[in-house]
């Protein structure tokens, strides 16, 4: 079973909902151990004190914050708990915002928000209201010795919580977005739009996989079985000299695929809207009207 990351309450107005948070995703990668080459044994990491010149036990370790070089303030766990904010076990919704107004650059980690039995009705009320209104909630939560600003938004099966970076944590790179806009010809934009339309489809996450990790595991298995390791030459890319030529060639190499559902639906609606309407045949006059 997945382990609980956080347990507490979420509240809006006078309504409180007991909930638990579970990590919604976790990164997976091929990991390697450090091996001592002469004997093939895995090495052990040890905690070493250079002043005492010996390996120290974990029970001897305490937390210390470095003020200046080699000058520390020692802090214990009880002192950390004493200064914990109210959001350590209760997060209050501060405001509601439209999801599309949040720049995705601020999103950090994602969590499933699961209600306790006593809070299921209030949980459903909050979720259904947010779905109908199109709003997401902004709240604060403290966990892992840090207070996070979070976004709570409705998903298909429940509420999701996303921790967010603070503005000062988003890096300012001088090279990004500075003096890099070059005028593009209208013909080049038209061809680029056709290229985008040709590659457009509905998002399906199951289609995407970590090919690098797959190839690493294939290489490891080949070495284990004493088989030669296959090597794929990487594509050699060069700067594009003629944009029009490159765009036209790209359009010619587009794969045949079904259009995205929305695009197909829009095309069908356009066809109905532009189809000529049949004129109704004039109604036959009644016998009375004809002789009247």
C-alpha atoms as a PDB file:
ATOM      1  CA  UNK A   1       0.000   0.000   0.000  1.00  0.00           C
ATOM      2  CA  UNK A   2       1.021   3.581  -0.623  1.00  0.00           C
ATOM      3  CA  UNK A   3       2.179   5.405   2.489  1.00  0.00           C
ATOM      4  CA  UNK A   4       0.465   8.532   3.798  1.00  0.00           C
ATOM      5  CA  UNK A   5       2.528  11.660   3.121  1.00  0.00           C
ATOM      6  CA  UNK A   6       0.391  14.014   5.222  1.00  0.00           C
ATOM      7  CA  UNK A   7      -2.694  13.685   7.407  1.00  0.00           C
ATOM      8  CA  UNK A   8      -4.896  16.530   8.587  1.00  0.00           C
ATOM      9  CA  UNK A   9      -7.771  18.789   7.568  1.00  0.00           C
ATOM     10  CA  UNK A  10      -8.638  21.065   4.673  1.00  0.00           C
ATOM     11  CA  UNK A  11     -11.152  23.801   5.434  1.00  0.00           C
ATOM     12  CA  UNK A  12     -13.122  26.429   3.571  1.00  0.00           C
ATOM     13  CA  UNK A  13     -15.418  28.683   5.548  1.00  0.00           C
ATOM     14  CA  UNK A  14     -16.623  26.700   8.555  1.00  0.00           C
ATOM     15  CA  UNK A  15     -16.425  23.357   6.732  1.00  0.00           C
ATOM     16  CA  UNK A  16     -13.521  21.065   7.640  1.00  0.00           C
ATOM     17  CA  UNK A  17     -12.677  17.871   5.802  1.00  0.00           C
ATOM     18  CA  UNK A  18     -10.322  15.219   7.254  1.00  0.00           C
ATOM     19  CA  UNK A  19      -8.005  14.046   4.478  1.00  0.00           C
ATOM     20  CA  UNK A  20      -4.823  12.150   3.706  1.00  0.00           C
ATOM     21  CA  UNK A  21      -2.268  12.923   1.014  1.00  0.00           C
ATOM     22  CA  UNK A  22      -0.549  10.289  -1.104  1.00  0.00           C
ATOM     23  CA  UNK A  23       2.196  10.908  -3.647  1.00  0.00           C
ATOM     24  CA  UNK A  24       0.555  10.930  -7.088  1.00  0.00           C
ATOM     25  CA  UNK A  25       3.706  10.072  -9.032  1.00  0.00           C
ATOM     26  CA  UNK A  26       7.280   9.028  -8.493  1.00  0.00           C
ATOM     27  CA  UNK A  27      10.233   9.090 -10.814  1.00  0.00           C
ATOM     28  CA  UNK A  28      11.673   5.769 -11.931  1.00  0.00           C
ATOM     29  CA  UNK A  29      15.159   5.359 -13.303  1.00  0.00           C
ATOM     30  CA  UNK A  30      17.861   2.753 -13.636  1.00  0.00           C
ATOM     31  CA  UNK A  31      20.123   3.135 -10.596  1.00  0.00           C
ATOM     32  CA  UNK A  32      23.662   1.898 -10.117  1.00  0.00           C
ATOM     33  CA  UNK A  33      25.628   1.032  -6.982  1.00  0.00           C
ATOM     34  CA  UNK A  34      29.230   1.966  -6.327  1.00  0.00           C
ATOM     35  CA  UNK A  35      31.364  -1.194  -6.672  1.00  0.00           C
ATOM     36  CA  UNK A  36      34.964  -1.699  -5.578  1.00  0.00           C
ATOM     37  CA  UNK A  37      36.557  -2.725  -8.872  1.00  0.00           C
ATOM     38  CA  UNK A  38      39.334  -5.065  -7.553  1.00  0.00           C
ATOM     39  CA  UNK A  39      36.985  -7.349  -5.554  1.00  0.00           C
ATOM     40  CA  UNK A  40      33.559  -6.560  -7.043  1.00  0.00           C
ATOM     41  CA  UNK A  41      32.008  -5.704  -3.666  1.00  0.00           C
ATOM     42  CA  UNK A  42      29.536  -2.912  -3.036  1.00  0.00           C
ATOM     43  CA  UNK A  43      31.059  -0.157  -0.952  1.00  0.00           C
ATOM     44  CA  UNK A  44      29.430   1.218   2.220  1.00  0.00           C
ATOM     45  CA  UNK A  45      28.858   4.874   2.989  1.00  0.00           C
ATOM     46  CA  UNK A  46      30.100   5.787   6.469  1.00  0.00           C
ATOM     47  CA  UNK A  47      29.711   8.951   8.527  1.00  0.00           C
ATOM     48  CA  UNK A  48      33.176  10.157   9.446  1.00  0.00           C
ATOM     49  CA  UNK A  49      34.177  12.918  11.879  1.00  0.00           C
ATOM     50  CA  UNK A  50      37.454  14.547  10.755  1.00  0.00           C
ATOM     51  CA  UNK A  51      38.091  16.126  14.214  1.00  0.00           C
ATOM     52  CA  UNK A  52      37.646  12.913  16.203  1.00  0.00           C
ATOM     53  CA  UNK A  53      39.206  10.950  13.334  1.00  0.00           C
ATOM     54  CA  UNK A  54      36.698   8.110  13.550  1.00  0.00           C
ATOM     55  CA  UNK A  55      33.443   6.742  12.134  1.00  0.00           C
ATOM     56  CA  UNK A  56      30.477   7.981  14.221  1.00  0.00           C
ATOM     57  CA  UNK A  57      27.188   6.224  14.958  1.00  0.00           C
ATOM     58  CA  UNK A  58      23.872   7.662  13.782  1.00  0.00           C
ATOM     59  CA  UNK A  59      22.805   8.089  17.446  1.00  0.00           C
ATOM     60  CA  UNK A  60      25.575  10.669  17.876  1.00  0.00           C
ATOM     61  CA  UNK A  61      24.239  12.957  15.145  1.00  0.00           C
ATOM     62  CA  UNK A  62      22.212  16.139  15.727  1.00  0.00           C
ATOM     63  CA  UNK A  63      20.869  18.871  13.433  1.00  0.00           C
ATOM     64  CA  UNK A  64      22.933  22.013  12.961  1.00  0.00           C
ATOM     65  CA  UNK A  65      22.382  25.193  10.934  1.00  0.00           C
ATOM     66  CA  UNK A  66      25.559  26.819   9.616  1.00  0.00           C
ATOM     67  CA  UNK A  67      25.690  30.543  10.451  1.00  0.00           C
ATOM     68  CA  UNK A  68      29.204  31.106   9.186  1.00  0.00           C
ATOM     69  CA  UNK A  69      31.905  28.684   8.135  1.00  0.00           C
ATOM     70  CA  UNK A  70      32.267  25.955  10.803  1.00  0.00           C
ATOM     71  CA  UNK A  71      29.926  27.834  13.195  1.00  0.00           C
ATOM     72  CA  UNK A  72      26.599  26.101  13.826  1.00  0.00           C
ATOM     73  CA  UNK A  73      23.400  26.515  15.831  1.00  0.00           C
ATOM     74  CA  UNK A  74      22.254  23.111  17.164  1.00  0.00           C
ATOM     75  CA  UNK A  75      18.499  22.441  16.928  1.00  0.00           C
ATOM     76  CA  UNK A  76      16.549  19.421  18.197  1.00  0.00           C
ATOM     77  CA  UNK A  77      13.295  17.901  16.932  1.00  0.00           C
ATOM     78  CA  UNK A  78      11.154  19.238  19.810  1.00  0.00           C
ATOM     79  CA  UNK A  79      12.259  22.804  19.085  1.00  0.00           C
ATOM     80  CA  UNK A  80      11.344  22.354  15.419  1.00  0.00           C
ATOM     81  CA  UNK A  81       7.856  21.107  16.357  1.00  0.00           C
ATOM     82  CA  UNK A  82       7.294  24.100  18.656  1.00  0.00           C
ATOM     83  CA  UNK A  83       7.659  26.587  15.793  1.00  0.00           C
ATOM     84  CA  UNK A  84       5.591  24.560  13.309  1.00  0.00           C
ATOM     85  CA  UNK A  85       2.771  26.671  11.758  1.00  0.00           C
ATOM     86  CA  UNK A  86      -0.942  25.740  12.011  1.00  0.00           C
ATOM     87  CA  UNK A  87      -0.734  24.391   8.446  1.00  0.00           C
ATOM     88  CA  UNK A  88       1.189  21.415   9.819  1.00  0.00           C
ATOM     89  CA  UNK A  89      -2.090  19.613  10.433  1.00  0.00           C
ATOM     90  CA  UNK A  90      -4.700  21.914   8.892  1.00  0.00           C
ATOM     91  CA  UNK A  91      -4.732  23.797   5.611  1.00  0.00           C
ATOM     92  CA  UNK A  92      -7.213  26.596   5.085  1.00  0.00           C
ATOM     93  CA  UNK A  93      -8.326  27.574   1.606  1.00  0.00           C
ATOM     94  CA  UNK A  94      -7.360  31.234   1.263  1.00  0.00           C
ATOM     95  CA  UNK A  95      -8.863  31.949  -2.150  1.00  0.00           C
ATOM     96  CA  UNK A  96     -10.153  30.446  -5.380  1.00  0.00           C
ATOM     97  CA  UNK A  97      -8.628  31.170  -8.779  1.00  0.00           C
ATOM     98  CA  UNK A  98      -9.141  30.025 -12.354  1.00  0.00           C
ATOM     99  CA  UNK A  99      -6.717  27.201 -13.143  1.00  0.00           C
ATOM    100  CA  UNK A 100      -5.684  28.722 -16.475  1.00  0.00           C
ATOM    101  CA  UNK A 101      -4.350  31.819 -14.698  1.00  0.00           C
ATOM    102  CA  UNK A 102      -1.636  29.769 -12.937  1.00  0.00           C
ATOM    103  CA  UNK A 103       1.637  29.568 -14.834  1.00  0.00           C
ATOM    104  CA  UNK A 104       2.687  25.854 -14.872  1.00  0.00           C
ATOM    105  CA  UNK A 105       6.274  26.904 -14.099  1.00  0.00           C
ATOM    106  CA  UNK A 106       5.198  27.218 -10.446  1.00  0.00           C
ATOM    107  CA  UNK A 107       4.002  23.588 -10.140  1.00  0.00           C
ATOM    108  CA  UNK A 108       6.251  21.254  -8.133  1.00  0.00           C
ATOM    109  CA  UNK A 109       4.955  17.864  -6.830  1.00  0.00           C
ATOM    110  CA  UNK A 110       1.492  16.284  -7.142  1.00  0.00           C
ATOM    111  CA  UNK A 111      -0.533  14.425  -4.499  1.00  0.00           C
ATOM    112  CA  UNK A 112      -3.828  12.539  -4.351  1.00  0.00           C
ATOM    113  CA  UNK A 113      -6.173  13.995  -1.724  1.00  0.00           C
ATOM    114  CA  UNK A 114      -8.249  11.207  -0.145  1.00  0.00           C
ATOM    115  CA  UNK A 115     -11.039  11.925   2.377  1.00  0.00           C
ATOM    116  CA  UNK A 116     -11.548  10.055   5.623  1.00  0.00           C
ATOM    117  CA  UNK A 117     -14.975   8.411   5.999  1.00  0.00           C
ATOM    118  CA  UNK A 118     -16.311  11.281   8.124  1.00  0.00           C
ATOM    119  CA  UNK A 119     -15.453  13.845   5.461  1.00  0.00           C
ATOM    120  CA  UNK A 120     -16.658  12.148   2.277  1.00  0.00           C
ATOM    121  CA  UNK A 121     -19.819  14.231   1.836  1.00  0.00           C
ATOM    122  CA  UNK A 122     -18.059  17.559   2.412  1.00  0.00           C
ATOM    123  CA  UNK A 123     -15.255  16.370   0.119  1.00  0.00           C
ATOM    124  CA  UNK A 124     -17.778  15.623  -2.652  1.00  0.00           C
ATOM    125  CA  UNK A 125     -19.417  19.009  -2.097  1.00  0.00           C
ATOM    126  CA  UNK A 126     -16.096  20.812  -2.514  1.00  0.00           C
ATOM    127  CA  UNK A 127     -15.107  18.767  -5.574  1.00  0.00           C
ATOM    128  CA  UNK A 128     -18.448  19.130  -7.368  1.00  0.00           C
ATOM    129  CA  UNK A 129     -18.585  22.859  -6.642  1.00  0.00           C
ATOM    130  CA  UNK A 130     -15.082  23.382  -8.033  1.00  0.00           C
ATOM    131  CA  UNK A 131     -15.881  21.329 -11.132  1.00  0.00           C
ATOM    132  CA  UNK A 132     -19.025  23.358 -11.814  1.00  0.00           C
ATOM    133  CA  UNK A 133     -17.421  26.744 -11.143  1.00  0.00           C
ATOM    134  CA  UNK A 134     -14.112  26.045 -12.892  1.00  0.00           C
ATOM    135  CA  UNK A 135     -12.112  27.304  -9.911  1.00  0.00           C
ATOM    136  CA  UNK A 136      -9.045  25.859  -8.189  1.00  0.00           C
ATOM    137  CA  UNK A 137      -8.233  26.497  -4.526  1.00  0.00           C
ATOM    138  CA  UNK A 138      -5.111  28.132  -3.095  1.00  0.00           C
ATOM    139  CA  UNK A 139      -4.056  26.995   0.385  1.00  0.00           C
ATOM    140  CA  UNK A 140      -1.006  26.537   2.631  1.00  0.00           C
ATOM    141  CA  UNK A 141       0.377  23.284   3.999  1.00  0.00           C
ATOM    142  CA  UNK A 142       3.454  22.517   6.098  1.00  0.00           C
ATOM    143  CA  UNK A 143       5.291  19.231   5.580  1.00  0.00           C
ATOM    144  CA  UNK A 144       8.901  18.080   5.388  1.00  0.00           C
ATOM    145  CA  UNK A 145       9.988  21.079   7.493  1.00  0.00           C
ATOM    146  CA  UNK A 146       8.654  23.565   4.980  1.00  0.00           C
ATOM    147  CA  UNK A 147       5.432  25.497   4.393  1.00  0.00           C
ATOM    148  CA  UNK A 148       4.134  25.198   0.846  1.00  0.00           C
ATOM    149  CA  UNK A 149       1.640  27.212  -1.122  1.00  0.00           C
ATOM    150  CA  UNK A 150      -0.559  24.618  -2.826  1.00  0.00           C
ATOM    151  CA  UNK A 151      -3.183  24.405  -5.549  1.00  0.00           C
ATOM    152  CA  UNK A 152      -6.121  22.038  -5.047  1.00  0.00           C
ATOM    153  CA  UNK A 153      -7.996  21.208  -8.236  1.00  0.00           C
ATOM    154  CA  UNK A 154     -10.716  18.735  -9.218  1.00  0.00           C
ATOM    155  CA  UNK A 155      -9.744  15.688 -11.266  1.00  0.00           C
ATOM    156  CA  UNK A 156     -11.820  12.912 -12.794  1.00  0.00           C
ATOM    157  CA  UNK A 157     -11.752  10.734  -9.659  1.00  0.00           C
ATOM    158  CA  UNK A 158     -11.142  13.233  -6.879  1.00  0.00           C
ATOM    159  CA  UNK A 159      -9.124  16.248  -5.757  1.00  0.00           C
ATOM    160  CA  UNK A 160      -5.452  16.689  -6.616  1.00  0.00           C
ATOM    161  CA  UNK A 161      -3.022  18.833  -4.648  1.00  0.00           C
ATOM    162  CA  UNK A 162       0.052  20.421  -6.220  1.00  0.00           C
ATOM    163  CA  UNK A 163       2.798  22.047  -4.179  1.00  0.00           C
ATOM    164  CA  UNK A 164       4.171  25.192  -5.790  1.00  0.00           C
ATOM    165  CA  UNK A 165       7.467  26.998  -6.035  1.00  0.00           C
ATOM    166  CA  UNK A 166       7.616  30.476  -4.531  1.00  0.00           C
ATOM    167  CA  UNK A 167       8.369  33.350  -6.949  1.00  0.00           C
ATOM    168  CA  UNK A 168      11.879  33.757  -5.554  1.00  0.00           C
ATOM    169  CA  UNK A 169      12.572  30.085  -6.325  1.00  0.00           C
ATOM    170  CA  UNK A 170      11.819  30.471 -10.024  1.00  0.00           C
ATOM    171  CA  UNK A 171      15.153  31.262 -11.609  1.00  0.00           C
ATOM    172  CA  UNK A 172      15.816  34.406 -13.569  1.00  0.00           C
ATOM    173  CA  UNK A 173      18.047  33.473 -16.500  1.00  0.00           C
ATOM    174  CA  UNK A 174      19.337  36.577 -18.327  1.00  0.00           C
ATOM    175  CA  UNK A 175      19.639  34.663 -21.604  1.00  0.00           C
ATOM    176  CA  UNK A 176      15.989  33.537 -21.564  1.00  0.00           C
ATOM    177  CA  UNK A 177      13.631  35.696 -23.624  1.00  0.00           C
ATOM    178  CA  UNK A 178      16.123  38.525 -24.113  1.00  0.00           C
ATOM    179  CA  UNK A 179      16.767  39.781 -27.654  1.00  0.00           C
ATOM    180  CA  UNK A 180      16.048  36.404 -29.228  1.00  0.00           C
ATOM    181  CA  UNK A 181      12.970  37.337 -31.303  1.00  0.00           C
ATOM    182  CA  UNK A 182      13.611  37.421 -35.029  1.00  0.00           C
ATOM    183  CA  UNK A 183      11.002  38.480 -37.578  1.00  0.00           C
ATOM    184  CA  UNK A 184       9.407  35.497 -39.329  1.00  0.00           C
ATOM    185  CA  UNK A 185       7.761  35.645 -42.753  1.00  0.00           C
ATOM    186  CA  UNK A 186       3.979  35.031 -42.983  1.00  0.00           C
ATOM    187  CA  UNK A 187       4.582  32.154 -45.443  1.00  0.00           C
ATOM    188  CA  UNK A 188       6.847  30.454 -42.912  1.00  0.00           C
ATOM    189  CA  UNK A 189       4.189  30.800 -40.203  1.00  0.00           C
ATOM    190  CA  UNK A 190       1.550  29.272 -42.517  1.00  0.00           C
ATOM    191  CA  UNK A 191       3.739  26.243 -43.260  1.00  0.00           C
ATOM    192  CA  UNK A 192       4.620  25.874 -39.569  1.00  0.00           C
ATOM    193  CA  UNK A 193       0.890  25.935 -38.684  1.00  0.00           C
ATOM    194  CA  UNK A 194       0.250  23.156 -41.217  1.00  0.00           C
ATOM    195  CA  UNK A 195       3.087  21.157 -39.643  1.00  0.00           C
ATOM    196  CA  UNK A 196       1.543  21.639 -36.184  1.00  0.00           C
ATOM    197  CA  UNK A 197      -1.898  20.603 -37.473  1.00  0.00           C
ATOM    198  CA  UNK A 198      -0.377  17.522 -39.102  1.00  0.00           C
ATOM    199  CA  UNK A 199       1.138  16.436 -35.790  1.00  0.00           C
ATOM    200  CA  UNK A 200      -1.889  17.392 -33.670  1.00  0.00           C
ATOM    201  CA  UNK A 201      -3.675  14.623 -31.761  1.00  0.00           C
ATOM    202  CA  UNK A 202      -5.278  13.922 -28.377  1.00  0.00           C
ATOM    203  CA  UNK A 203      -2.910  13.577 -25.427  1.00  0.00           C
ATOM    204  CA  UNK A 204      -2.392   9.945 -24.444  1.00  0.00           C
ATOM    205  CA  UNK A 205       0.320   9.494 -21.763  1.00  0.00           C
ATOM    206  CA  UNK A 206       0.420   5.712 -22.319  1.00  0.00           C
ATOM    207  CA  UNK A 207       2.163   6.304 -25.663  1.00  0.00           C
ATOM    208  CA  UNK A 208       5.277   7.802 -24.083  1.00  0.00           C
ATOM    209  CA  UNK A 209       7.994   5.756 -22.442  1.00  0.00           C
ATOM    210  CA  UNK A 210      11.520   6.200 -21.123  1.00  0.00           C
ATOM    211  CA  UNK A 211      13.483   4.696 -24.001  1.00  0.00           C
ATOM    212  CA  UNK A 212      16.795   5.550 -22.369  1.00  0.00           C
ATOM    213  CA  UNK A 213      16.026   3.380 -19.313  1.00  0.00           C
ATOM    214  CA  UNK A 214      14.784   0.591 -21.599  1.00  0.00           C
ATOM    215  CA  UNK A 215      18.021   0.640 -23.586  1.00  0.00           C
ATOM    216  CA  UNK A 216      20.059   0.684 -20.377  1.00  0.00           C
ATOM    217  CA  UNK A 217      18.293  -2.477 -19.168  1.00  0.00           C
ATOM    218  CA  UNK A 218      18.762  -4.142 -22.576  1.00  0.00           C
ATOM    219  CA  UNK A 219      22.473  -3.351 -22.388  1.00  0.00           C
ATOM    220  CA  UNK A 220      22.686  -4.736 -18.829  1.00  0.00           C
ATOM    221  CA  UNK A 221      20.925  -7.979 -19.825  1.00  0.00           C
ATOM    222  CA  UNK A 222      23.185  -8.368 -22.873  1.00  0.00           C
ATOM    223  CA  UNK A 223      26.273  -7.994 -20.689  1.00  0.00           C
ATOM    224  CA  UNK A 224      24.868 -10.468 -18.155  1.00  0.00           C
ATOM    225  CA  UNK A 225      24.301 -13.035 -20.924  1.00  0.00           C
ATOM    226  CA  UNK A 226      27.659 -12.342 -22.570  1.00  0.00           C
ATOM    227  CA  UNK A 227      26.013 -11.007 -25.715  1.00  0.00           C
ATOM    228  CA  UNK A 228      27.344  -8.094 -27.773  1.00  0.00           C
ATOM    229  CA  UNK A 229      25.804  -4.722 -26.976  1.00  0.00           C
ATOM    230  CA  UNK A 230      23.995  -3.110 -29.889  1.00  0.00           C
ATOM    231  CA  UNK A 231      24.875   0.521 -30.507  1.00  0.00           C
ATOM    232  CA  UNK A 232      22.645   3.011 -32.305  1.00  0.00           C
ATOM    233  CA  UNK A 233      24.294   5.944 -33.977  1.00  0.00           C
ATOM    234  CA  UNK A 234      22.704   9.220 -32.881  1.00  0.00           C
ATOM    235  CA  UNK A 235      21.207  11.499 -35.503  1.00  0.00           C
ATOM    236  CA  UNK A 236      23.558  14.197 -36.667  1.00  0.00           C
ATOM    237  CA  UNK A 237      21.698  17.493 -36.552  1.00  0.00           C
ATOM    238  CA  UNK A 238      22.776  20.701 -38.214  1.00  0.00           C
ATOM    239  CA  UNK A 239      21.403  24.254 -38.013  1.00  0.00           C
ATOM    240  CA  UNK A 240      18.597  24.950 -40.484  1.00  0.00           C
ATOM    241  CA  UNK A 241      19.736  27.291 -43.259  1.00  0.00           C
ATOM    242  CA  UNK A 242      16.555  27.530 -45.352  1.00  0.00           C
ATOM    243  CA  UNK A 243      13.429  27.529 -43.171  1.00  0.00           C
ATOM    244  CA  UNK A 244      10.979  27.285 -46.099  1.00  0.00           C
ATOM    245  CA  UNK A 245      12.770  24.270 -47.545  1.00  0.00           C
ATOM    246  CA  UNK A 246      12.951  22.558 -44.150  1.00  0.00           C
ATOM    247  CA  UNK A 247       9.239  23.192 -43.475  1.00  0.00           C
ATOM    248  CA  UNK A 248       8.163  21.879 -46.876  1.00  0.00           C
ATOM    249  CA  UNK A 249      10.287  18.765 -46.451  1.00  0.00           C
ATOM    250  CA  UNK A 250       8.873  18.232 -42.938  1.00  0.00           C
ATOM    251  CA  UNK A 251       5.311  18.444 -44.291  1.00  0.00           C
ATOM    252  CA  UNK A 252       6.148  15.815 -46.894  1.00  0.00           C
ATOM    253  CA  UNK A 253       7.389  13.422 -44.189  1.00  0.00           C
ATOM    254  CA  UNK A 254       4.345  13.742 -41.915  1.00  0.00           C
ATOM    255  CA  UNK A 255       2.942  10.367 -40.778  1.00  0.00           C
ATOM    256  CA  UNK A 256      -0.635   9.492 -41.667  1.00  0.00           C
ATOM    257  CA  UNK A 257      -2.699   9.750 -38.525  1.00  0.00           C
ATOM    258  CA  UNK A 258      -6.227  10.396 -37.395  1.00  0.00           C
ATOM    259  CA  UNK A 259      -6.969  13.999 -36.477  1.00  0.00           C
ATOM    260  CA  UNK A 260      -7.499  14.939 -32.852  1.00  0.00           C
ATOM    261  CA  UNK A 261     -11.019  14.389 -31.578  1.00  0.00           C
ATOM    262  CA  UNK A 262     -11.628  18.092 -31.105  1.00  0.00           C
ATOM    263  CA  UNK A 263     -10.324  18.885 -34.569  1.00  0.00           C
ATOM    264  CA  UNK A 264     -12.452  16.158 -36.119  1.00  0.00           C
ATOM    265  CA  UNK A 265     -15.515  17.362 -34.241  1.00  0.00           C
ATOM    266  CA  UNK A 266     -14.874  20.951 -35.319  1.00  0.00           C
ATOM    267  CA  UNK A 267     -14.500  19.857 -38.949  1.00  0.00           C
ATOM    268  CA  UNK A 268     -17.792  17.970 -38.784  1.00  0.00           C
ATOM    269  CA  UNK A 269     -19.547  20.948 -37.221  1.00  0.00           C
ATOM    270  CA  UNK A 270     -18.137  23.264 -39.891  1.00  0.00           C
ATOM    271  CA  UNK A 271     -19.344  20.914 -42.619  1.00  0.00           C
ATOM    272  CA  UNK A 272     -22.861  20.929 -41.208  1.00  0.00           C
ATOM    273  CA  UNK A 273     -22.830  24.693 -40.838  1.00  0.00           C
ATOM    274  CA  UNK A 274     -21.667  25.291 -44.407  1.00  0.00           C
ATOM    275  CA  UNK A 275     -23.808  22.602 -46.078  1.00  0.00           C
ATOM    276  CA  UNK A 276     -26.512  24.014 -48.375  1.00  0.00           C
ATOM    277  CA  UNK A 277     -29.928  23.855 -46.804  1.00  0.00           C
ATOM    278  CA  UNK A 278     -32.677  22.164 -48.766  1.00  0.00           C
ATOM    279  CA  UNK A 279     -35.633  24.339 -49.627  1.00  0.00           C
ATOM    280  CA  UNK A 280     -38.931  23.099 -48.340  1.00  0.00           C
ATOM    281  CA  UNK A 281     -41.532  22.271 -50.925  1.00  0.00           C
ATOM    282  CA  UNK A 282     -44.527  24.599 -50.717  1.00  0.00           C
ATOM    283  CA  UNK A 283     -47.389  23.088 -48.744  1.00  0.00           C
ATOM    284  CA  UNK A 284     -50.308  21.824 -50.760  1.00  0.00           C
ATOM    285  CA  UNK A 285     -53.333  24.003 -50.535  1.00  0.00           C
ATOM    286  CA  UNK A 286     -56.353  22.497 -48.922  1.00  0.00           C
ATOM    287  CA  UNK A 287     -59.393  21.850 -51.047  1.00  0.00           C
ATOM    288  CA  UNK A 288     -61.211  24.636 -49.261  1.00  0.00           C
ATOM    289  CA  UNK A 289     -58.468  27.162 -49.944  1.00  0.00           C
ATOM    290  CA  UNK A 290     -58.346  26.158 -53.621  1.00  0.00           C
ATOM    291  CA  UNK A 291     -62.097  26.594 -54.158  1.00  0.00           C
ATOM    292  CA  UNK A 292     -62.530  29.514 -51.811  1.00  0.00           C
END
